[in-house]
Amino acid sequence: MKAPLPFPLKLTSCFLMTGMMTGMMTAANAKEDETNAEPEMTIAKLFKASSIDVSGYLDAGYIGHNQMPDPNVQVFDTSKNSFSLNQASITMSQTPKEGMGWLVDLIAGSNAGYLCSYGACSGNNLNPYNSTMGSGGNFDPTQAYMQYATGPWTLIGGKFNSMSGVEVPNSVADTNITRSILYGHSPFTHTGVRAVNALTDATTVTMGVNNGWDQVTGMTSSKTAEFAINEAFTKDTSLLFDVYSGAETVPTSLDWAGIIPAGTITNMYTANAGTPFSGIRSGNRTLLDMVFTSNLTQSLTFILNADHSSQQNVVIGATPNQVGTEVYWGLAAYLNYQINDQYRVSFRTEQLKDESGVAVAAPGTLPGPNTVREATLTLGYAPVKDFELRAELRGDRASQGIFASSNGTLYQSMVTYGLQGIYKF
């Protein structure tokens, strides 16, 4: 027979039992309250519940040059020394693997005026020959399209990024602060239809028809055809080949309105050019583009981009407005090394050879052959996952003077230095 517990122990046991019961009841009530509580609803959760992906970024910084930059060489950096909000972007999309989908990509900031297509921005609509450089304002609907996916096919209709080149409008996806010379002489976006077919896990073919280079509103009655094949040889090596061909507008004279004397020339080749004085005409433009990518190691990537482009019916001589075919070709190589989770370094070098001096020329100069080379070194530092600080040093050199000093003297070389901060969300 067990001995009865002393009274103090009985009292202690009673308190313990009471505490345990109270704790169990409290936990049960808390769990019930948690179950019955209204879920906290945020905008992010609302989009996620609707299967809509939302992302964005802010890109701001400072760019300086020892000479006046030529927009035919550095497409976004037209001020000698300036702080700038380059881009504030948001992308919303719902692109399922099967069925209907859509994507909208909006960019505001100083880069928007250069990216904005003819017909999409008020500044561009005022000009008979596409846009005066940077006149598109501070807002650009960079992409806006619907898509339908079924099996290996994806059909897209609307405004979408070009397939050409390595670099894209999105600052986060580019590894340098400044854009390459080739980037400024390639289309940014197209408006039309595109069909993508994944033939195999390694091979993708793309075909489409659009208004041409950077045109929401078509500037000619004919259209531009696009074709691309992307082959992944291994999981670390791929090759993209694409071609664009169709009629594009060109000036009918070397006489330009307002800022340039008669008998001189500036960039009439890219979609973003000056306003011609005596009207426009069209000629076939063909761009052949190749991008080879190889992950040499887990941390080291090598990319090679090659372009060849031609434009018919261009004025290539001053007397008497000689008309011919403008041709340029270029090579750009990239070497990107991820040092660790925080630090990376990117090196780019390139050359553009302009055989007629139309694609690359300074205001007030007669057309003539010119070759421009550049080398860029960029250091990236990411103290946290969503933010990166970039520092860059770049040198450009041309065979003919195109970089102007404050007194108007043209020099063959220019040095660029910059800082950039990118916050992703």
Protein backbone atom coordinates (compact mmCIF):
# COMPACT_ATOMS: atom_id res chain seq x y z
CA MET A 1 0.00 0.00 0.00
CA LYS A 2 1.39 3.37 -1.11
CA ALA A 3 1.87 6.05 1.49
CA PRO A 4 -0.40 9.11 1.05
CA LEU A 5 1.32 12.27 -0.30
CA PRO A 6 1.99 15.06 2.17
CA PHE A 7 -0.33 18.05 1.86
CA PRO A 8 2.28 20.39 0.32
CA LEU A 9 3.00 17.89 -2.41
CA LYS A 10 -0.71 17.45 -3.01
CA LEU A 11 -1.09 21.21 -3.33
CA THR A 12 1.87 21.43 -5.71
CA SER A 13 0.47 18.64 -7.84
CA CYS A 14 -2.85 20.43 -8.00
CA PHE A 15 -1.20 23.61 -9.21
CA LEU A 16 0.78 21.70 -11.82
CA MET A 17 -2.32 19.95 -13.12
CA THR A 18 -4.21 23.23 -13.21
CA GLY A 19 -1.35 24.93 -15.10
CA MET A 20 -1.11 22.11 -17.61
CA MET A 21 -4.86 22.20 -18.27
CA THR A 22 -4.80 25.98 -18.63
CA GLY A 23 -1.85 25.79 -21.06
CA MET A 24 -3.59 23.14 -23.14
CA MET A 25 -6.78 25.19 -23.26
CA THR A 26 -4.84 28.35 -24.21
CA ALA A 27 -2.99 26.54 -26.99
CA ALA A 28 -6.22 25.08 -28.29
CA ASN A 29 -7.93 28.48 -28.25
CA ALA A 30 -4.91 30.08 -29.99
CA LYS A 31 -4.98 27.41 -32.68
CA GLU A 32 -8.70 27.94 -33.15
CA ASP A 33 -8.22 31.72 -33.33
CA GLU A 34 -5.44 31.23 -35.88
CA THR A 35 -7.66 28.98 -37.97
CA ASN A 36 -10.58 31.40 -37.87
CA ALA A 37 -8.44 34.52 -38.40
CA GLU A 38 -8.76 36.37 -41.71
CA PRO A 39 -5.65 35.76 -43.88
CA GLU A 40 -3.47 38.85 -44.43
CA MET A 41 -3.87 39.93 -48.05
CA THR A 42 -1.10 41.85 -49.79
CA ILE A 43 -0.73 42.92 -53.42
CA ALA A 44 2.04 40.36 -53.92
CA LYS A 45 -0.14 37.57 -52.51
CA LEU A 46 -3.06 38.75 -54.62
CA PHE A 47 -0.98 38.51 -57.81
CA LYS A 48 0.44 35.16 -56.74
CA ALA A 49 -3.03 33.81 -56.04
CA SER A 50 -4.00 34.90 -59.56
CA SER A 51 -0.93 33.14 -61.06
CA ILE A 52 0.46 36.50 -62.21
CA ASP A 53 4.22 36.99 -62.00
CA VAL A 54 5.39 40.49 -61.05
CA SER A 55 8.97 41.75 -60.99
CA GLY A 56 10.79 45.02 -61.43
CA TYR A 57 13.91 47.05 -60.79
CA LEU A 58 15.33 50.54 -60.33
CA ASP A 59 18.49 51.57 -62.20
CA ALA A 60 20.21 54.86 -61.33
CA GLY A 61 23.77 56.11 -61.58
CA TYR A 62 26.37 58.50 -62.94
CA ILE A 63 28.16 58.49 -66.31
CA GLY A 64 31.06 60.76 -67.24
CA HIS A 65 33.15 61.20 -70.42
CA ASN A 66 36.31 63.18 -71.17
CA GLN A 67 34.79 64.17 -74.56
CA MET A 68 31.25 64.61 -75.83
CA PRO A 69 29.85 61.12 -76.50
CA ASP A 70 28.60 60.15 -79.95
CA PRO A 71 25.10 58.56 -79.76
CA ASN A 72 26.06 56.30 -82.66
CA VAL A 73 28.65 54.72 -80.35
CA GLN A 74 27.02 54.89 -76.91
CA VAL A 75 23.30 54.82 -77.51
CA PHE A 76 22.01 55.87 -74.04
CA ASP A 77 24.85 58.10 -72.85
CA THR A 78 24.48 61.37 -74.72
CA SER A 79 25.38 63.77 -71.86
CA LYS A 80 29.02 64.44 -71.06
CA ASN A 81 28.57 64.18 -67.28
CA SER A 82 25.26 63.39 -65.67
CA PHE A 83 23.48 61.69 -62.80
CA SER A 84 20.40 59.89 -64.09
CA LEU A 85 17.48 57.66 -63.23
CA ASN A 86 18.11 55.35 -66.16
CA GLN A 87 15.22 52.96 -65.74
CA ALA A 88 12.34 52.21 -63.39
CA SER A 89 10.72 49.05 -64.70
CA ILE A 90 7.92 46.67 -63.86
CA THR A 91 7.01 43.44 -65.66
CA MET A 92 3.72 41.59 -65.21
CA SER A 93 3.06 38.30 -66.94
CA GLN A 94 0.99 35.15 -67.00
CA THR A 95 2.60 32.73 -69.44
CA PRO A 96 1.49 29.14 -68.83
CA LYS A 97 3.10 26.25 -70.71
CA GLU A 98 -0.27 25.50 -72.28
CA GLY A 99 -3.03 27.88 -73.32
CA MET A 100 -3.38 31.66 -73.43
CA GLY A 101 -0.94 34.01 -71.77
CA TRP A 102 0.28 37.60 -71.80
CA LEU A 103 3.18 39.87 -70.78
CA VAL A 104 3.49 43.63 -70.18
CA ASP A 105 6.90 45.26 -69.63
CA LEU A 106 6.96 49.00 -68.82
CA ILE A 107 10.07 51.20 -68.53
CA ALA A 108 10.29 54.80 -67.28
CA GLY A 109 13.40 56.96 -67.01
CA SER A 110 16.02 58.55 -69.23
CA ASN A 111 16.57 55.37 -71.30
CA ALA A 112 12.90 55.22 -72.29
CA GLY A 113 13.18 57.92 -74.95
CA TYR A 114 15.84 55.96 -76.80
CA LEU A 115 14.00 52.65 -76.53
CA CYS A 116 10.59 53.96 -77.50
CA SER A 117 9.36 52.80 -80.91
CA TYR A 118 7.95 55.02 -83.64
CA GLY A 119 4.22 55.44 -83.02
CA ALA A 120 4.40 54.58 -79.32
CA CYS A 121 5.76 57.90 -78.00
CA SER A 122 4.56 61.38 -78.81
CA GLY A 123 8.05 62.69 -79.58
CA ASN A 124 8.59 60.03 -82.21
CA ASN A 125 5.29 60.68 -83.99
CA LEU A 126 6.36 64.22 -84.91
CA ASN A 127 9.17 63.09 -87.19
CA PRO A 128 8.81 61.82 -90.76
CA TYR A 129 11.92 59.66 -90.37
CA ASN A 130 11.44 57.73 -87.13
CA SER A 131 12.67 59.43 -83.96
CA THR A 132 15.17 62.09 -83.13
CA MET A 133 17.55 60.46 -80.67
CA GLY A 134 16.03 60.49 -77.21
CA SER A 135 12.84 62.33 -78.19
CA GLY A 136 10.49 59.61 -77.02
CA GLY A 137 9.97 61.09 -73.55
CA ASN A 138 10.47 59.27 -70.26
CA PHE A 139 8.10 56.32 -70.62
CA ASP A 140 8.20 53.28 -72.90
CA PRO A 141 5.81 50.32 -73.19
CA THR A 142 8.79 48.13 -74.10
CA GLN A 143 6.83 44.88 -74.44
CA ALA A 144 3.12 44.12 -74.54
CA TYR A 145 1.95 40.90 -76.15
CA MET A 146 -0.46 37.99 -76.01
CA GLN A 147 0.68 34.41 -76.48
CA TYR A 148 -0.82 30.98 -77.03
CA ALA A 149 1.17 27.83 -76.20
CA THR A 150 0.30 24.34 -77.35
CA GLY A 151 2.72 21.42 -77.44
CA PRO A 152 6.04 22.53 -78.97
CA TRP A 153 4.50 25.73 -80.44
CA THR A 154 4.24 29.20 -78.89
CA LEU A 155 2.49 31.95 -80.89
CA ILE A 156 3.07 35.62 -79.92
CA GLY A 157 1.32 38.75 -81.13
CA GLY A 158 2.09 42.33 -80.07
CA LYS A 159 5.30 44.18 -79.20
CA PHE A 160 8.29 42.13 -78.10
CA ASN A 161 12.09 42.25 -77.77
CA SER A 162 14.33 41.62 -80.76
CA MET A 163 16.21 38.34 -80.94
CA SER A 164 19.39 39.99 -82.22
CA GLY A 165 22.49 40.54 -80.13
CA VAL A 166 23.53 39.79 -76.58
CA GLU A 167 22.22 42.81 -74.70
CA VAL A 168 18.58 43.72 -73.99
CA PRO A 169 16.67 46.77 -72.72
CA ASN A 170 16.52 45.25 -69.20
CA SER A 171 19.48 46.66 -67.22
CA VAL A 172 19.49 43.71 -64.81
CA ALA A 173 20.12 41.22 -67.62
CA ASP A 174 23.11 43.16 -68.99
CA THR A 175 26.51 42.76 -67.34
CA ASN A 176 27.91 46.22 -68.16
CA ILE A 177 26.66 49.75 -67.44
CA THR A 178 27.09 51.12 -70.96
CA ARG A 179 25.63 49.32 -73.97
CA SER A 180 27.77 47.96 -76.78
CA ILE A 181 28.20 49.71 -80.13
CA LEU A 182 26.44 46.78 -81.83
CA TYR A 183 23.48 47.17 -79.48
CA GLY A 184 22.90 50.71 -80.76
CA HIS A 185 22.95 49.46 -84.36
CA SER A 186 20.45 46.65 -83.87
CA PRO A 187 16.68 46.74 -83.37
CA PHE A 188 15.44 47.00 -79.80
CA THR A 189 11.87 45.73 -80.28
CA HIS A 190 9.42 44.65 -82.98
CA THR A 191 5.65 44.84 -83.36
CA GLY A 192 4.06 41.94 -85.20
CA VAL A 193 3.59 38.18 -84.85
CA ARG A 194 6.09 35.48 -83.96
CA ALA A 195 5.93 31.67 -83.89
CA VAL A 196 8.38 29.62 -81.81
CA ASN A 197 8.75 25.87 -82.26
CA ALA A 198 10.78 23.69 -79.89
CA LEU A 199 11.76 21.01 -82.39
CA THR A 200 13.77 19.12 -79.77
CA ASP A 201 15.12 19.79 -76.29
CA ALA A 202 18.20 21.26 -77.99
CA THR A 203 16.79 22.97 -81.10
CA THR A 204 14.37 25.90 -81.30
CA VAL A 205 13.19 27.61 -84.50
CA THR A 206 11.54 31.06 -84.57
CA MET A 207 9.70 32.71 -87.48
CA GLY A 208 7.80 35.98 -87.64
CA VAL A 209 6.62 39.06 -89.50
CA ASN A 210 6.72 42.60 -88.07
CA ASN A 211 6.66 46.32 -88.90
CA GLY A 212 10.46 46.52 -88.90
CA TRP A 213 13.01 48.07 -86.56
CA ASP A 214 11.36 49.77 -83.55
CA GLN A 215 8.02 50.59 -85.13
CA VAL A 216 4.65 50.27 -83.42
CA THR A 217 3.22 52.09 -86.42
CA GLY A 218 4.67 50.78 -89.67
CA MET A 219 6.66 53.33 -91.68
CA THR A 220 6.51 51.38 -94.94
CA SER A 221 3.76 49.36 -96.64
CA SER A 222 5.91 46.21 -96.65
CA LYS A 223 6.90 44.14 -93.63
CA THR A 224 10.09 42.68 -92.17
CA ALA A 225 10.59 38.92 -91.92
CA GLU A 226 12.48 37.35 -89.04
CA PHE A 227 13.97 33.88 -88.68
CA ALA A 228 16.15 32.31 -85.99
CA ILE A 229 17.51 28.94 -84.99
CA ASN A 230 18.91 28.30 -81.52
CA GLU A 231 20.95 25.14 -81.00
CA ALA A 232 22.13 23.97 -77.58
CA PHE A 233 25.07 21.67 -78.31
CA THR A 234 25.53 20.87 -74.62
CA LYS A 235 24.05 22.23 -71.39
CA ASP A 236 26.91 24.78 -71.36
CA THR A 237 27.27 25.69 -75.06
CA SER A 238 24.73 27.20 -77.50
CA LEU A 239 24.58 29.02 -80.82
CA LEU A 240 21.89 31.47 -81.95
CA PHE A 241 21.64 32.58 -85.57
CA ASP A 242 18.97 35.09 -86.60
CA VAL A 243 18.18 37.18 -89.67
CA TYR A 244 15.94 40.22 -90.22
CA SER A 245 15.11 41.47 -93.71
CA GLY A 246 12.63 44.07 -94.93
CA ALA A 247 12.13 47.63 -96.14
CA GLU A 248 13.23 50.46 -93.85
CA THR A 249 13.09 54.22 -94.35
CA VAL A 250 16.19 56.28 -95.20
CA PRO A 251 16.73 60.00 -96.00
CA THR A 252 16.73 61.14 -99.61
CA SER A 253 19.46 63.75 -99.10
CA LEU A 254 22.47 64.68 -97.02
CA ASP A 255 20.76 68.01 -96.23
CA TRP A 256 19.52 67.78 -92.64
CA ALA A 257 17.19 70.17 -90.88
CA GLY A 258 18.33 72.61 -88.28
CA ILE A 259 21.49 71.36 -86.65
CA ILE A 260 23.72 70.16 -89.50
CA PRO A 261 24.95 72.11 -92.55
CA ALA A 262 24.11 70.95 -96.07
CA GLY A 263 26.49 68.37 -97.47
CA THR A 264 27.12 66.75 -94.09
CA ILE A 265 25.78 63.59 -92.52
CA THR A 266 24.97 61.93 -89.22
CA ASN A 267 23.59 58.55 -88.25
CA MET A 268 20.89 57.67 -90.78
CA TYR A 269 21.27 53.95 -90.41
CA THR A 270 19.77 52.97 -87.09
CA ALA A 271 16.09 53.24 -86.35
CA ASN A 272 16.76 56.11 -83.94
CA ALA A 273 18.23 58.87 -86.11
CA GLY A 274 17.92 62.56 -86.95
CA THR A 275 15.13 64.16 -88.93
CA PRO A 276 15.91 64.51 -92.66
CA PHE A 277 15.24 67.82 -94.35
CA SER A 278 14.07 66.60 -97.74
CA GLY A 279 11.95 63.56 -97.05
CA ILE A 280 12.43 59.82 -96.91
CA ARG A 281 12.40 56.74 -99.10
CA SER A 282 12.70 53.05 -98.36
CA GLY A 283 15.27 50.39 -99.10
CA ASN A 284 15.77 46.82 -98.03
CA ARG A 285 17.67 46.36 -94.78
CA THR A 286 19.14 42.96 -93.85
CA LEU A 287 20.72 42.06 -90.54
CA LEU A 288 22.59 38.79 -90.00
CA ASP A 289 23.29 38.13 -86.33
CA MET A 290 25.09 35.34 -84.47
CA VAL A 291 25.53 34.76 -80.73
CA PHE A 292 27.76 31.95 -79.40
CA THR A 293 27.65 31.25 -75.64
CA SER A 294 29.87 28.90 -73.64
CA ASN A 295 30.05 28.37 -69.88
CA LEU A 296 33.77 27.60 -69.65
CA THR A 297 33.45 26.82 -65.95
CA GLN A 298 30.71 27.16 -63.36
CA SER A 299 31.88 30.75 -62.75
CA LEU A 300 33.27 31.81 -66.16
CA THR A 301 31.16 32.55 -69.29
CA PHE A 302 32.35 33.51 -72.76
CA ILE A 303 30.02 35.11 -75.35
CA LEU A 304 30.78 36.09 -78.95
CA ASN A 305 28.41 38.26 -81.01
CA ALA A 306 28.87 38.86 -84.77
CA ASP A 307 26.72 41.17 -86.95
CA HIS A 308 26.59 42.02 -90.64
CA SER A 309 24.09 44.58 -91.87
CA SER A 310 23.25 46.29 -95.16
CA GLN A 311 20.84 49.05 -96.16
CA GLN A 312 19.88 49.85 -99.74
CA ASN A 313 19.08 53.31 -101.20
CA VAL A 314 21.24 55.21 -98.72
CA VAL A 315 22.98 58.47 -99.62
CA ILE A 316 26.65 57.53 -99.26
CA GLY A 317 28.29 60.47 -101.06
CA ALA A 318 28.04 64.23 -100.82
CA THR A 319 28.13 65.05 -104.55
CA PRO A 320 25.70 64.70 -106.18
CA ASN A 321 23.89 62.84 -103.37
CA GLN A 322 25.37 59.51 -104.39
CA VAL A 323 23.03 56.63 -103.57
CA GLY A 324 24.23 53.12 -102.80
CA THR A 325 24.19 50.32 -100.24
CA GLU A 326 25.50 51.02 -96.77
CA VAL A 327 27.32 48.08 -95.14
CA TYR A 328 28.72 47.59 -91.67
CA TRP A 329 29.88 44.58 -89.72
CA GLY A 330 31.00 44.08 -86.16
CA LEU A 331 32.25 41.68 -83.50
CA ALA A 332 31.76 41.85 -79.73
CA ALA A 333 33.22 39.47 -77.16
CA TYR A 334 32.21 39.17 -73.49
CA LEU A 335 33.98 37.43 -70.60
CA ASN A 336 32.00 37.28 -67.36
CA TYR A 337 33.50 35.88 -64.14
CA GLN A 338 31.54 35.35 -60.91
CA ILE A 339 34.21 35.64 -58.23
CA ASN A 340 31.87 34.73 -55.34
CA ASP A 341 28.32 35.44 -54.19
CA GLN A 342 29.09 39.15 -53.81
CA TYR A 343 31.69 40.04 -56.44
CA ARG A 344 31.81 39.61 -60.21
CA VAL A 345 33.75 41.13 -63.09
CA SER A 346 32.73 41.57 -66.74
CA PHE A 347 34.98 42.45 -69.67
CA ARG A 348 33.71 43.43 -73.14
CA THR A 349 35.65 44.31 -76.27
CA GLU A 350 34.28 45.00 -79.74
CA GLN A 351 34.83 46.49 -83.16
CA LEU A 352 32.39 47.99 -85.66
CA LYS A 353 33.65 48.60 -89.20
CA ASP A 354 31.53 51.09 -91.14
CA GLU A 355 32.49 50.81 -94.80
CA SER A 356 30.68 53.97 -95.98
CA GLY A 357 30.77 56.12 -92.86
CA VAL A 358 26.98 56.35 -92.62
CA ALA A 359 26.32 54.25 -89.51
CA VAL A 360 29.06 55.98 -87.51
CA ALA A 361 29.64 59.66 -88.30
CA ALA A 362 29.83 62.91 -86.39
CA PRO A 363 27.61 65.93 -87.17
CA GLY A 364 29.33 68.22 -89.65
CA THR A 365 31.52 65.53 -91.22
CA LEU A 366 31.38 64.07 -94.69
CA PRO A 367 30.70 60.34 -95.02
CA GLY A 368 33.72 58.06 -95.20
CA PRO A 369 34.94 54.70 -93.91
CA ASN A 370 35.34 54.51 -90.15
CA THR A 371 36.19 51.77 -87.66
CA VAL A 372 35.33 52.12 -83.98
CA ARG A 373 36.70 49.89 -81.21
CA GLU A 374 35.96 49.81 -77.51
CA ALA A 375 36.98 47.93 -74.37
CA THR A 376 34.95 47.96 -71.15
CA LEU A 377 35.73 46.64 -67.67
CA THR A 378 32.89 46.41 -65.12
CA LEU A 379 33.05 45.37 -61.46
CA GLY A 380 29.84 44.30 -59.74
CA TYR A 381 29.33 44.16 -55.95
CA ALA A 382 26.13 42.74 -54.43
CA PRO A 383 26.12 43.28 -50.65
CA VAL A 384 22.58 41.83 -50.50
CA LYS A 385 20.64 39.62 -52.88
CA ASP A 386 18.40 42.35 -54.32
CA PHE A 387 20.96 45.11 -54.85
CA GLU A 388 24.08 45.45 -56.99
CA LEU A 389 26.55 48.32 -57.25
CA ARG A 390 28.55 48.54 -60.49
CA ALA A 391 31.68 50.50 -61.35
CA GLU A 392 32.91 50.78 -64.95
CA LEU A 393 35.79 52.09 -67.05
CA ARG A 394 35.51 52.19 -70.85
CA GLY A 395 37.72 53.36 -73.69
CA ASP A 396 36.55 54.05 -77.28
CA ARG A 397 38.75 54.76 -80.30
CA ALA A 398 37.75 55.52 -83.91
CA SER A 399 39.86 55.70 -87.03
CA GLN A 400 38.18 59.06 -87.84
CA GLY A 401 37.36 61.74 -85.26
CA ILE A 402 33.80 61.51 -83.95
CA PHE A 403 34.12 62.58 -80.28
CA ALA A 404 33.79 66.34 -79.85
CA SER A 405 35.49 68.51 -77.25
CA SER A 406 33.87 71.61 -75.73
CA ASN A 407 35.25 73.79 -78.55
CA GLY A 408 33.97 71.45 -81.27
CA THR A 409 37.27 69.79 -82.13
CA LEU A 410 36.79 66.15 -83.10
CA TYR A 411 38.95 63.51 -81.43
CA GLN A 412 39.45 59.85 -82.21
CA SER A 413 39.28 58.58 -78.63
CA MET A 414 37.07 58.94 -75.56
CA VAL A 415 37.18 57.62 -71.98
CA THR A 416 33.98 56.78 -70.08
CA TYR A 417 33.63 56.10 -66.35
CA GLY A 418 30.47 55.29 -64.44
CA LEU A 419 28.76 54.11 -61.27
CA GLN A 420 25.39 52.34 -61.24
CA GLY A 421 23.08 50.97 -58.59
CA ILE A 422 20.40 48.40 -59.43
CA TYR A 423 17.69 47.36 -56.97
CA LYS A 424 15.53 44.37 -57.94
CA PHE A 425 12.13 43.51 -56.54
